[in-house]
Amino acid sequence: MGKRLKRLNLLVRRRSHLTLLIIVGVIVLLLFFNDDTSLALNLKYQNEINRLQNEIKLNRDSAALYREKRLSVLAGRDELERLARERFNMQKNTEDVYVIK
């Protein structure tokens, strides 16, 4: 048994890159199959973060649009009257209204 251990020890010393390959292999396996550090899971989370950031950007843009509309309605009576007429399909005596569906 002692000679076998000596031979194995000598083989490992001569081929030190073998132990390095084993260590690198274990690290790679941990990266792919460990739930906490899984590379696939991290990519999935990063894609979701990007999607949510795009959604936030779109919502900010639409919020700014509605904020501008609100301010224009509050600023002038004419704008409020125009929006009410559009909403309820009403018209002034001097204008023609076309409803498109």
PDB file of N, CA and C in Angstrom:
ATOM      1  N   MET A   1       0.819  -1.183   0.000  1.00  0.00           N
ATOM      2  CA  MET A   1       0.000   0.000   0.000  1.00  0.00           C
ATOM      3  C   MET A   1       0.864   1.249   0.000  1.00  0.00           C
ATOM      4  N   GLY A   2       2.007   1.200   0.685  1.00  0.00           N
ATOM      5  CA  GLY A   2       2.893   2.352   0.773  1.00  0.00           C
ATOM      6  C   GLY A   2       3.472   2.733  -0.583  1.00  0.00           C
ATOM      7  N   LYS A   3       3.791   1.710  -1.414  1.00  0.00           N
ATOM      8  CA  LYS A   3       4.346   1.992  -2.735  1.00  0.00           C
ATOM      9  C   LYS A   3       3.304   2.655  -3.629  1.00  0.00           C
ATOM     10  N   ARG A   4       2.055   2.244  -3.485  1.00  0.00           N
ATOM     11  CA  ARG A   4       0.992   2.842  -4.307  1.00  0.00           C
ATOM     12  C   ARG A   4       0.807   4.317  -3.959  1.00  0.00           C
ATOM     13  N   LEU A   5       0.843   4.631  -2.672  1.00  0.00           N
ATOM     14  CA  LEU A   5       0.709   6.025  -2.262  1.00  0.00           C
ATOM     15  C   LEU A   5       1.879   6.858  -2.754  1.00  0.00           C
ATOM     16  N   LYS A   6       3.077   6.293  -2.713  1.00  0.00           N
ATOM     17  CA  LYS A   6       4.252   7.017  -3.210  1.00  0.00           C
ATOM     18  C   LYS A   6       4.133   7.276  -4.707  1.00  0.00           C
ATOM     19  N   ARG A   7       3.684   6.267  -5.452  1.00  0.00           N
ATOM     20  CA  ARG A   7       3.499   6.436  -6.895  1.00  0.00           C
ATOM     21  C   ARG A   7       2.443   7.503  -7.208  1.00  0.00           C
ATOM     22  N   LEU A   8       1.331   7.450  -6.445  1.00  0.00           N
ATOM     23  CA  LEU A   8       0.259   8.438  -6.641  1.00  0.00           C
ATOM     24  C   LEU A   8       0.760   9.838  -6.302  1.00  0.00           C
ATOM     25  N   ASN A   9       1.520   9.946  -5.239  1.00  0.00           N
ATOM     26  CA  ASN A   9       2.076  11.237  -4.845  1.00  0.00           C
ATOM     27  C   ASN A   9       3.038  11.745  -5.920  1.00  0.00           C
ATOM     28  N   LEU A  10       3.861  10.884  -6.454  1.00  0.00           N
ATOM     29  CA  LEU A  10       4.798  11.256  -7.508  1.00  0.00           C
ATOM     30  C   LEU A  10       4.050  11.670  -8.773  1.00  0.00           C
ATOM     31  N   LEU A  11       2.998  10.936  -9.099  1.00  0.00           N
ATOM     32  CA  LEU A  11       2.214  11.260 -10.287  1.00  0.00           C
ATOM     33  C   LEU A  11       1.544  12.636 -10.147  1.00  0.00           C
ATOM     34  N   VAL A  12       1.032  12.913  -8.963  1.00  0.00           N
ATOM     35  CA  VAL A  12       0.384  14.210  -8.728  1.00  0.00           C
ATOM     36  C   VAL A  12       1.415  15.327  -8.788  1.00  0.00           C
ATOM     37  N   ARG A  13       2.604  15.095  -8.248  1.00  0.00           N
ATOM     38  CA  ARG A  13       3.645  16.120  -8.291  1.00  0.00           C
ATOM     39  C   ARG A  13       4.099  16.395  -9.718  1.00  0.00           C
ATOM     40  N   ARG A  14       4.271  15.346 -10.507  1.00  0.00           N
ATOM     41  CA  ARG A  14       4.711  15.523 -11.894  1.00  0.00           C
ATOM     42  C   ARG A  14       3.628  16.224 -12.722  1.00  0.00           C
ATOM     43  N   ARG A  15       2.420  15.897 -12.438  1.00  0.00           N
ATOM     44  CA  ARG A  15       1.316  16.464 -13.200  1.00  0.00           C
ATOM     45  C   ARG A  15       0.521  17.408 -12.293  1.00  0.00           C
ATOM     46  N   SER A  16       1.172  18.473 -11.894  1.00  0.00           N
ATOM     47  CA  SER A  16       0.531  19.402 -10.968  1.00  0.00           C
ATOM     48  C   SER A  16      -0.638  20.134 -11.632  1.00  0.00           C
ATOM     49  N   HIS A  17      -0.632  20.207 -12.936  1.00  0.00           N
ATOM     50  CA  HIS A  17      -1.757  20.833 -13.620  1.00  0.00           C
ATOM     51  C   HIS A  17      -3.036  20.010 -13.461  1.00  0.00           C
ATOM     52  N   LEU A  18      -2.902  18.742 -13.148  1.00  0.00           N
ATOM     53  CA  LEU A  18      -4.071  17.901 -12.933  1.00  0.00           C
ATOM     54  C   LEU A  18      -4.869  18.375 -11.722  1.00  0.00           C
ATOM     55  N   THR A  19      -4.178  18.682 -10.628  1.00  0.00           N
ATOM     56  CA  THR A  19      -4.888  19.195  -9.449  1.00  0.00           C
ATOM     57  C   THR A  19      -5.502  20.557  -9.745  1.00  0.00           C
ATOM     58  N   LEU A  20      -4.810  21.367 -10.506  1.00  0.00           N
ATOM     59  CA  LEU A  20      -5.349  22.670 -10.878  1.00  0.00           C
ATOM     60  C   LEU A  20      -6.612  22.507 -11.719  1.00  0.00           C
ATOM     61  N   LEU A  21      -6.601  21.556 -12.638  1.00  0.00           N
ATOM     62  CA  LEU A  21      -7.784  21.294 -13.456  1.00  0.00           C
ATOM     63  C   LEU A  21      -8.955  20.800 -12.610  1.00  0.00           C
ATOM     64  N   ILE A  22      -8.651  19.973 -11.629  1.00  0.00           N
ATOM     65  CA  ILE A  22      -9.708  19.469 -10.754  1.00  0.00           C
ATOM     66  C   ILE A  22     -10.315  20.618  -9.952  1.00  0.00           C
ATOM     67  N   ILE A  23      -9.480  21.482  -9.421  1.00  0.00           N
ATOM     68  CA  ILE A  23      -9.972  22.629  -8.645  1.00  0.00           C
ATOM     69  C   ILE A  23     -10.808  23.557  -9.526  1.00  0.00           C
ATOM     70  N   VAL A  24     -10.334  23.840 -10.713  1.00  0.00           N
ATOM     71  CA  VAL A  24     -11.090  24.699 -11.635  1.00  0.00           C
ATOM     72  C   VAL A  24     -12.408  24.035 -12.017  1.00  0.00           C
ATOM     73  N   GLY A  25     -12.389  22.746 -12.218  1.00  0.00           N
ATOM     74  CA  GLY A  25     -13.622  22.017 -12.536  1.00  0.00           C
ATOM     75  C   GLY A  25     -14.646  22.107 -11.421  1.00  0.00           C
ATOM     76  N   VAL A  26     -14.194  21.982 -10.196  1.00  0.00           N
ATOM     77  CA  VAL A  26     -15.103  22.074  -9.053  1.00  0.00           C
ATOM     78  C   VAL A  26     -15.687  23.483  -8.965  1.00  0.00           C
ATOM     79  N   ILE A  27     -14.861  24.491  -9.186  1.00  0.00           N
ATOM     80  CA  ILE A  27     -15.352  25.879  -9.142  1.00  0.00           C
ATOM     81  C   ILE A  27     -16.388  26.122 -10.236  1.00  0.00           C
ATOM     82  N   VAL A  28     -16.120  25.615 -11.429  1.00  0.00           N
ATOM     83  CA  VAL A  28     -17.080  25.772 -12.530  1.00  0.00           C
ATOM     84  C   VAL A  28     -18.387  25.062 -12.209  1.00  0.00           C
ATOM     85  N   LEU A  29     -18.308  23.882 -11.662  1.00  0.00           N
ATOM     86  CA  LEU A  29     -19.523  23.159 -11.280  1.00  0.00           C
ATOM     87  C   LEU A  29     -20.305  23.929 -10.222  1.00  0.00           C
ATOM     88  N   LEU A  30     -19.604  24.534  -9.273  1.00  0.00           N
ATOM     89  CA  LEU A  30     -20.284  25.332  -8.254  1.00  0.00           C
ATOM     90  C   LEU A  30     -20.968  26.554  -8.876  1.00  0.00           C
ATOM     91  N   LEU A  31     -20.322  27.154  -9.860  1.00  0.00           N
ATOM     92  CA  LEU A  31     -20.924  28.330 -10.500  1.00  0.00           C
ATOM     93  C   LEU A  31     -22.211  27.979 -11.234  1.00  0.00           C
ATOM     94  N   PHE A  32     -22.242  26.819 -11.841  1.00  0.00           N
ATOM     95  CA  PHE A  32     -23.416  26.469 -12.635  1.00  0.00           C
ATOM     96  C   PHE A  32     -24.513  25.786 -11.842  1.00  0.00           C
ATOM     97  N   PHE A  33     -24.162  25.056 -10.804  1.00  0.00           N
ATOM     98  CA  PHE A  33     -25.169  24.243 -10.142  1.00  0.00           C
ATOM     99  C   PHE A  33     -25.510  24.671  -8.721  1.00  0.00           C
ATOM    100  N   ASN A  34     -24.793  25.593  -8.155  1.00  0.00           N
ATOM    101  CA  ASN A  34     -25.118  26.090  -6.828  1.00  0.00           C
ATOM    102  C   ASN A  34     -26.242  27.119  -6.967  1.00  0.00           C
ATOM    103  N   ASP A  35     -27.265  27.016  -6.147  1.00  0.00           N
ATOM    104  CA  ASP A  35     -28.425  27.895  -6.276  1.00  0.00           C
ATOM    105  C   ASP A  35     -28.101  29.351  -5.968  1.00  0.00           C
ATOM    106  N   ASP A  36     -27.216  29.601  -5.028  1.00  0.00           N
ATOM    107  CA  ASP A  36     -26.913  30.976  -4.638  1.00  0.00           C
ATOM    108  C   ASP A  36     -26.060  31.703  -5.663  1.00  0.00           C
ATOM    109  N   THR A  37     -25.150  31.007  -6.308  1.00  0.00           N
ATOM    110  CA  THR A  37     -24.231  31.651  -7.240  1.00  0.00           C
ATOM    111  C   THR A  37     -24.411  31.160  -8.668  1.00  0.00           C
ATOM    112  N   SER A  38     -25.545  30.615  -8.977  1.00  0.00           N
ATOM    113  CA  SER A  38     -25.775  30.056 -10.300  1.00  0.00           C
ATOM    114  C   SER A  38     -25.689  31.142 -11.370  1.00  0.00           C
ATOM    115  N   LEU A  39     -24.908  30.882 -12.374  1.00  0.00           N
ATOM    116  CA  LEU A  39     -24.731  31.832 -13.467  1.00  0.00           C
ATOM    117  C   LEU A  39     -26.036  32.018 -14.229  1.00  0.00           C
ATOM    118  N   ALA A  40     -26.768  30.948 -14.460  1.00  0.00           N
ATOM    119  CA  ALA A  40     -28.050  31.035 -15.176  1.00  0.00           C
ATOM    120  C   ALA A  40     -29.056  31.857 -14.377  1.00  0.00           C
ATOM    121  N   LEU A  41     -29.083  31.673 -13.078  1.00  0.00           N
ATOM    122  CA  LEU A  41     -29.991  32.428 -12.217  1.00  0.00           C
ATOM    123  C   LEU A  41     -29.636  33.914 -12.216  1.00  0.00           C
ATOM    124  N   ASN A  42     -28.342  34.216 -12.176  1.00  0.00           N
ATOM    125  CA  ASN A  42     -27.913  35.615 -12.225  1.00  0.00           C
ATOM    126  C   ASN A  42     -28.290  36.265 -13.547  1.00  0.00           C
ATOM    127  N   LEU A  43     -28.149  35.547 -14.651  1.00  0.00           N
ATOM    128  CA  LEU A  43     -28.544  36.093 -15.951  1.00  0.00           C
ATOM    129  C   LEU A  43     -30.052  36.334 -16.007  1.00  0.00           C
ATOM    130  N   LYS A  44     -30.813  35.425 -15.443  1.00  0.00           N
ATOM    131  CA  LYS A  44     -32.269  35.582 -15.406  1.00  0.00           C
ATOM    132  C   LYS A  44     -32.646  36.829 -14.609  1.00  0.00           C
ATOM    133  N   TYR A  45     -32.012  37.008 -13.453  1.00  0.00           N
ATOM    134  CA  TYR A  45     -32.294  38.182 -12.627  1.00  0.00           C
ATOM    135  C   TYR A  45     -31.885  39.472 -13.337  1.00  0.00           C
ATOM    136  N   GLN A  46     -30.769  39.448 -14.042  1.00  0.00           N
ATOM    137  CA  GLN A  46     -30.318  40.643 -14.749  1.00  0.00           C
ATOM    138  C   GLN A  46     -31.289  41.004 -15.868  1.00  0.00           C
ATOM    139  N   ASN A  47     -31.813  40.010 -16.577  1.00  0.00           N
ATOM    140  CA  ASN A  47     -32.809  40.270 -17.620  1.00  0.00           C
ATOM    141  C   ASN A  47     -34.073  40.873 -17.020  1.00  0.00           C
ATOM    142  N   GLU A  48     -34.487  40.378 -15.874  1.00  0.00           N
ATOM    143  CA  GLU A  48     -35.680  40.924 -15.219  1.00  0.00           C
ATOM    144  C   GLU A  48     -35.443  42.355 -14.749  1.00  0.00           C
ATOM    145  N   ILE A  49     -34.250  42.633 -14.245  1.00  0.00           N
ATOM    146  CA  ILE A  49     -33.919  43.998 -13.828  1.00  0.00           C
ATOM    147  C   ILE A  49     -33.975  44.944 -15.017  1.00  0.00           C
ATOM    148  N   ASN A  50     -33.422  44.535 -16.149  1.00  0.00           N
ATOM    149  CA  ASN A  50     -33.452  45.376 -17.354  1.00  0.00           C
ATOM    150  C   ASN A  50     -34.883  45.621 -17.819  1.00  0.00           C
ATOM    151  N   ARG A  51     -35.716  44.576 -17.781  1.00  0.00           N
ATOM    152  CA  ARG A  51     -37.111  44.725 -18.211  1.00  0.00           C
ATOM    153  C   ARG A  51     -37.854  45.694 -17.298  1.00  0.00           C
ATOM    154  N   LEU A  52     -37.637  45.567 -16.004  1.00  0.00           N
ATOM    155  CA  LEU A  52     -38.312  46.450 -15.049  1.00  0.00           C
ATOM    156  C   LEU A  52     -37.821  47.890 -15.168  1.00  0.00           C
ATOM    157  N   GLN A  53     -36.540  48.083 -15.470  1.00  0.00           N
ATOM    158  CA  GLN A  53     -36.036  49.443 -15.658  1.00  0.00           C
ATOM    159  C   GLN A  53     -36.649  50.086 -16.895  1.00  0.00           C
ATOM    160  N   ASN A  54     -36.833  49.300 -17.963  1.00  0.00           N
ATOM    161  CA  ASN A  54     -37.501  49.829 -19.157  1.00  0.00           C
ATOM    162  C   ASN A  54     -38.950  50.181 -18.854  1.00  0.00           C
ATOM    163  N   GLU A  55     -39.613  49.351 -18.063  1.00  0.00           N
ATOM    164  CA  GLU A  55     -41.003  49.630 -17.688  1.00  0.00           C
ATOM    165  C   GLU A  55     -41.096  50.899 -16.827  1.00  0.00           C
ATOM    166  N   ILE A  56     -40.144  51.094 -15.938  1.00  0.00           N
ATOM    167  CA  ILE A  56     -40.118  52.311 -15.120  1.00  0.00           C
ATOM    168  C   ILE A  56     -39.944  53.537 -16.002  1.00  0.00           C
ATOM    169  N   LYS A  57     -39.067  53.423 -16.987  1.00  0.00           N
ATOM    170  CA  LYS A  57     -38.835  54.551 -17.900  1.00  0.00           C
ATOM    171  C   LYS A  57     -40.107  54.899 -18.674  1.00  0.00           C
ATOM    172  N   LEU A  58     -40.818  53.877 -19.159  1.00  0.00           N
ATOM    173  CA  LEU A  58     -42.065  54.125 -19.890  1.00  0.00           C
ATOM    174  C   LEU A  58     -43.120  54.753 -18.986  1.00  0.00           C
ATOM    175  N   ASN A  59     -43.205  54.274 -17.747  1.00  0.00           N
ATOM    176  CA  ASN A  59     -44.192  54.829 -16.818  1.00  0.00           C
ATOM    177  C   ASN A  59     -43.862  56.262 -16.441  1.00  0.00           C
ATOM    178  N   ARG A  60     -42.589  56.577 -16.315  1.00  0.00           N
ATOM    179  CA  ARG A  60     -42.208  57.970 -16.033  1.00  0.00           C
ATOM    180  C   ARG A  60     -42.591  58.880 -17.184  1.00  0.00           C
ATOM    181  N   ASP A  61     -42.395  58.399 -18.425  1.00  0.00           N
ATOM    182  CA  ASP A  61     -42.758  59.204 -19.593  1.00  0.00           C
ATOM    183  C   ASP A  61     -44.262  59.445 -19.643  1.00  0.00           C
ATOM    184  N   SER A  62     -45.052  58.391 -19.393  1.00  0.00           N
ATOM    185  CA  SER A  62     -46.503  58.561 -19.442  1.00  0.00           C
ATOM    186  C   SER A  62     -46.983  59.416 -18.275  1.00  0.00           C
ATOM    187  N   ALA A  63     -46.335  59.323 -17.136  1.00  0.00           N
ATOM    188  CA  ALA A  63     -46.700  60.162 -15.992  1.00  0.00           C
ATOM    189  C   ALA A  63     -46.428  61.630 -16.314  1.00  0.00           C
ATOM    190  N   ALA A  64     -45.325  61.893 -16.988  1.00  0.00           N
ATOM    191  CA  ALA A  64     -45.017  63.280 -17.377  1.00  0.00           C
ATOM    192  C   ALA A  64     -46.059  63.800 -18.364  1.00  0.00           C
ATOM    193  N   LEU A  65     -46.500  62.958 -19.291  1.00  0.00           N
ATOM    194  CA  LEU A  65     -47.523  63.367 -20.256  1.00  0.00           C
ATOM    195  C   LEU A  65     -48.824  63.724 -19.550  1.00  0.00           C
ATOM    196  N   TYR A  66     -49.252  62.864 -18.631  1.00  0.00           N
ATOM    197  CA  TYR A  66     -50.499  63.135 -17.918  1.00  0.00           C
ATOM    198  C   TYR A  66     -50.361  64.330 -16.975  1.00  0.00           C
ATOM    199  N   ARG A  67     -49.186  64.532 -16.446  1.00  0.00           N
ATOM    200  CA  ARG A  67     -48.959  65.698 -15.597  1.00  0.00           C
ATOM    201  C   ARG A  67     -49.105  66.984 -16.416  1.00  0.00           C
ATOM    202  N   GLU A  68     -48.564  66.973 -17.647  1.00  0.00           N
ATOM    203  CA  GLU A  68     -48.692  68.136 -18.537  1.00  0.00           C
ATOM    204  C   GLU A  68     -50.155  68.380 -18.897  1.00  0.00           C
ATOM    205  N   LYS A  69     -50.879  67.300 -19.200  1.00  0.00           N
ATOM    206  CA  LYS A  69     -52.299  67.451 -19.523  1.00  0.00           C
ATOM    207  C   LYS A  69     -53.064  68.028 -18.340  1.00  0.00           C
ATOM    208  N   ARG A  70     -52.764  67.548 -17.158  1.00  0.00           N
ATOM    209  CA  ARG A  70     -53.431  68.027 -15.948  1.00  0.00           C
ATOM    210  C   ARG A  70     -53.161  69.515 -15.734  1.00  0.00           C
ATOM    211  N   LEU A  71     -51.920  69.905 -15.902  1.00  0.00           N
ATOM    212  CA  LEU A  71     -51.576  71.317 -15.720  1.00  0.00           C
ATOM    213  C   LEU A  71     -52.252  72.198 -16.764  1.00  0.00           C
ATOM    214  N   SER A  72     -52.348  71.699 -18.001  1.00  0.00           N
ATOM    215  CA  SER A  72     -53.011  72.496 -19.037  1.00  0.00           C
ATOM    216  C   SER A  72     -54.507  72.612 -18.756  1.00  0.00           C
ATOM    217  N   VAL A  73     -55.117  71.569 -18.205  1.00  0.00           N
ATOM    218  CA  VAL A  73     -56.543  71.632 -17.861  1.00  0.00           C
ATOM    219  C   VAL A  73     -56.760  72.593 -16.700  1.00  0.00           C
ATOM    220  N   LEU A  74     -55.886  72.528 -15.718  1.00  0.00           N
ATOM    221  CA  LEU A  74     -56.030  73.421 -14.572  1.00  0.00           C
ATOM    222  C   LEU A  74     -55.726  74.873 -14.924  1.00  0.00           C
ATOM    223  N   ALA A  75     -54.897  75.089 -15.925  1.00  0.00           N
ATOM    224  CA  ALA A  75     -54.472  76.448 -16.271  1.00  0.00           C
ATOM    225  C   ALA A  75     -55.557  77.217 -17.020  1.00  0.00           C
ATOM    226  N   GLY A  76     -56.320  76.542 -17.881  1.00  0.00           N
ATOM    227  CA  GLY A  76     -57.270  77.288 -18.695  1.00  0.00           C
ATOM    228  C   GLY A  76     -58.627  76.623 -18.777  1.00  0.00           C
ATOM    229  N   ARG A  77     -59.654  77.449 -18.800  1.00  0.00           N
ATOM    230  CA  ARG A  77     -61.025  76.941 -18.880  1.00  0.00           C
ATOM    231  C   ARG A  77     -61.329  76.399 -20.274  1.00  0.00           C
ATOM    232  N   ASP A  78     -60.707  76.991 -21.288  1.00  0.00           N
ATOM    233  CA  ASP A  78     -60.942  76.551 -22.669  1.00  0.00           C
ATOM    234  C   ASP A  78     -60.498  75.102 -22.885  1.00  0.00           C
ATOM    235  N   GLU A  79     -59.376  74.743 -22.310  1.00  0.00           N
ATOM    236  CA  GLU A  79     -58.878  73.378 -22.446  1.00  0.00           C
ATOM    237  C   GLU A  79     -59.803  72.388 -21.738  1.00  0.00           C
ATOM    238  N   LEU A  80     -60.287  72.749 -20.577  1.00  0.00           N
ATOM    239  CA  LEU A  80     -61.209  71.903 -19.838  1.00  0.00           C
ATOM    240  C   LEU A  80     -62.502  71.704 -20.623  1.00  0.00           C
ATOM    241  N   GLU A  81     -62.991  72.779 -21.219  1.00  0.00           N
ATOM    242  CA  GLU A  81     -64.222  72.695 -22.006  1.00  0.00           C
ATOM    243  C   GLU A  81     -64.014  71.817 -23.235  1.00  0.00           C
ATOM    244  N   ARG A  82     -62.871  71.953 -23.889  1.00  0.00           N
ATOM    245  CA  ARG A  82     -62.580  71.146 -25.074  1.00  0.00           C
ATOM    246  C   ARG A  82     -62.522  69.667 -24.707  1.00  0.00           C
ATOM    247  N   LEU A  83     -61.865  69.326 -23.615  1.00  0.00           N
ATOM    248  CA  LEU A  83     -61.778  67.923 -23.189  1.00  0.00           C
ATOM    249  C   LEU A  83     -63.151  67.360 -22.818  1.00  0.00           C
ATOM    250  N   ALA A  84     -63.982  68.166 -22.178  1.00  0.00           N
ATOM    251  CA  ALA A  84     -65.328  67.703 -21.813  1.00  0.00           C
ATOM    252  C   ALA A  84     -66.160  67.458 -23.065  1.00  0.00           C
ATOM    253  N   ARG A  85     -66.051  68.339 -24.042  1.00  0.00           N
ATOM    254  CA  ARG A  85     -66.810  68.139 -25.288  1.00  0.00           C
ATOM    255  C   ARG A  85     -66.342  66.885 -26.012  1.00  0.00           C
ATOM    256  N   GLU A  86     -65.033  66.653 -26.046  1.00  0.00           N
ATOM    257  CA  GLU A  86     -64.519  65.445 -26.700  1.00  0.00           C
ATOM    258  C   GLU A  86     -64.982  64.192 -25.967  1.00  0.00           C
ATOM    259  N   ARG A  87     -64.968  64.235 -24.674  1.00  0.00           N
ATOM    260  CA  ARG A  87     -65.314  63.068 -23.872  1.00  0.00           C
ATOM    261  C   ARG A  87     -66.785  62.679 -24.027  1.00  0.00           C
ATOM    262  N   PHE A  88     -67.668  63.675 -24.047  1.00  0.00           N
ATOM    263  CA  PHE A  88     -69.106  63.395 -24.059  1.00  0.00           C
ATOM    264  C   PHE A  88     -69.748  63.643 -25.422  1.00  0.00           C
ATOM    265  N   ASN A  89     -68.939  63.759 -26.468  1.00  0.00           N
ATOM    266  CA  ASN A  89     -69.410  63.945 -27.850  1.00  0.00           C
ATOM    267  C   ASN A  89     -70.387  65.115 -27.962  1.00  0.00           C
ATOM    268  N   MET A  90     -70.029  66.220 -27.389  1.00  0.00           N
ATOM    269  CA  MET A  90     -70.859  67.419 -27.459  1.00  0.00           C
ATOM    270  C   MET A  90     -70.235  68.376 -28.463  1.00  0.00           C
ATOM    271  N   GLN A  91     -70.987  69.371 -28.862  1.00  0.00           N
ATOM    272  CA  GLN A  91     -70.470  70.321 -29.829  1.00  0.00           C
ATOM    273  C   GLN A  91     -71.017  71.711 -29.560  1.00  0.00           C
ATOM    274  N   LYS A  92     -70.273  72.696 -30.077  1.00  0.00           N
ATOM    275  CA  LYS A  92     -70.756  74.070 -30.060  1.00  0.00           C
ATOM    276  C   LYS A  92     -71.642  74.247 -31.284  1.00  0.00           C
ATOM    277  N   ASN A  93     -72.373  75.328 -31.310  1.00  0.00           N
ATOM    278  CA  ASN A  93     -73.243  75.576 -32.457  1.00  0.00           C
ATOM    279  C   ASN A  93     -72.455  75.811 -33.738  1.00  0.00           C
ATOM    280  N   THR A  94     -71.262  76.293 -33.623  1.00  0.00           N
ATOM    281  CA  THR A  94     -70.489  76.665 -34.796  1.00  0.00           C
ATOM    282  C   THR A  94     -69.511  75.589 -35.260  1.00  0.00           C
ATOM    283  N   GLU A  95     -69.514  74.436 -34.658  1.00  0.00           N
ATOM    284  CA  GLU A  95     -68.532  73.425 -35.065  1.00  0.00           C
ATOM    285  C   GLU A  95     -69.204  72.112 -35.481  1.00  0.00           C
ATOM    286  N   ASP A  96     -68.525  71.389 -36.326  1.00  0.00           N
ATOM    287  CA  ASP A  96     -68.969  70.070 -36.762  1.00  0.00           C
ATOM    288  C   ASP A  96     -68.190  69.010 -36.004  1.00  0.00           C
ATOM    289  N   VAL A  97     -68.878  67.948 -35.624  1.00  0.00           N
ATOM    290  CA  VAL A  97     -68.234  66.871 -34.857  1.00  0.00           C
ATOM    291  C   VAL A  97     -68.309  65.604 -35.668  1.00  0.00           C
ATOM    292  N   TYR A  98     -67.183  64.948 -35.805  1.00  0.00           N
ATOM    293  CA  TYR A  98     -67.111  63.663 -36.494  1.00  0.00           C
ATOM    294  C   TYR A  98     -66.664  62.602 -35.507  1.00  0.00           C
ATOM    295  N   VAL A  99     -67.453  61.560 -35.353  1.00  0.00           N
ATOM    296  CA  VAL A  99     -67.109  60.474 -34.450  1.00  0.00           C
ATOM    297  C   VAL A  99     -66.615  59.314 -35.294  1.00  0.00           C
ATOM    298  N   ILE A 100     -65.394  58.905 -35.035  1.00  0.00           N
ATOM    299  CA  ILE A 100     -64.785  57.823 -35.792  1.00  0.00           C
ATOM    300  C   ILE A 100     -64.616  56.633 -34.857  1.00  0.00           C
ATOM    301  N   LYS A 101     -65.151  55.492 -35.270  1.00  0.00           N
ATOM    302  CA  LYS A 101     -65.012  54.281 -34.458  1.00  0.00           C
ATOM    303  C   LYS A 101     -64.301  53.205 -35.209  1.00  0.00           C
TER     304      LYS A 101
END
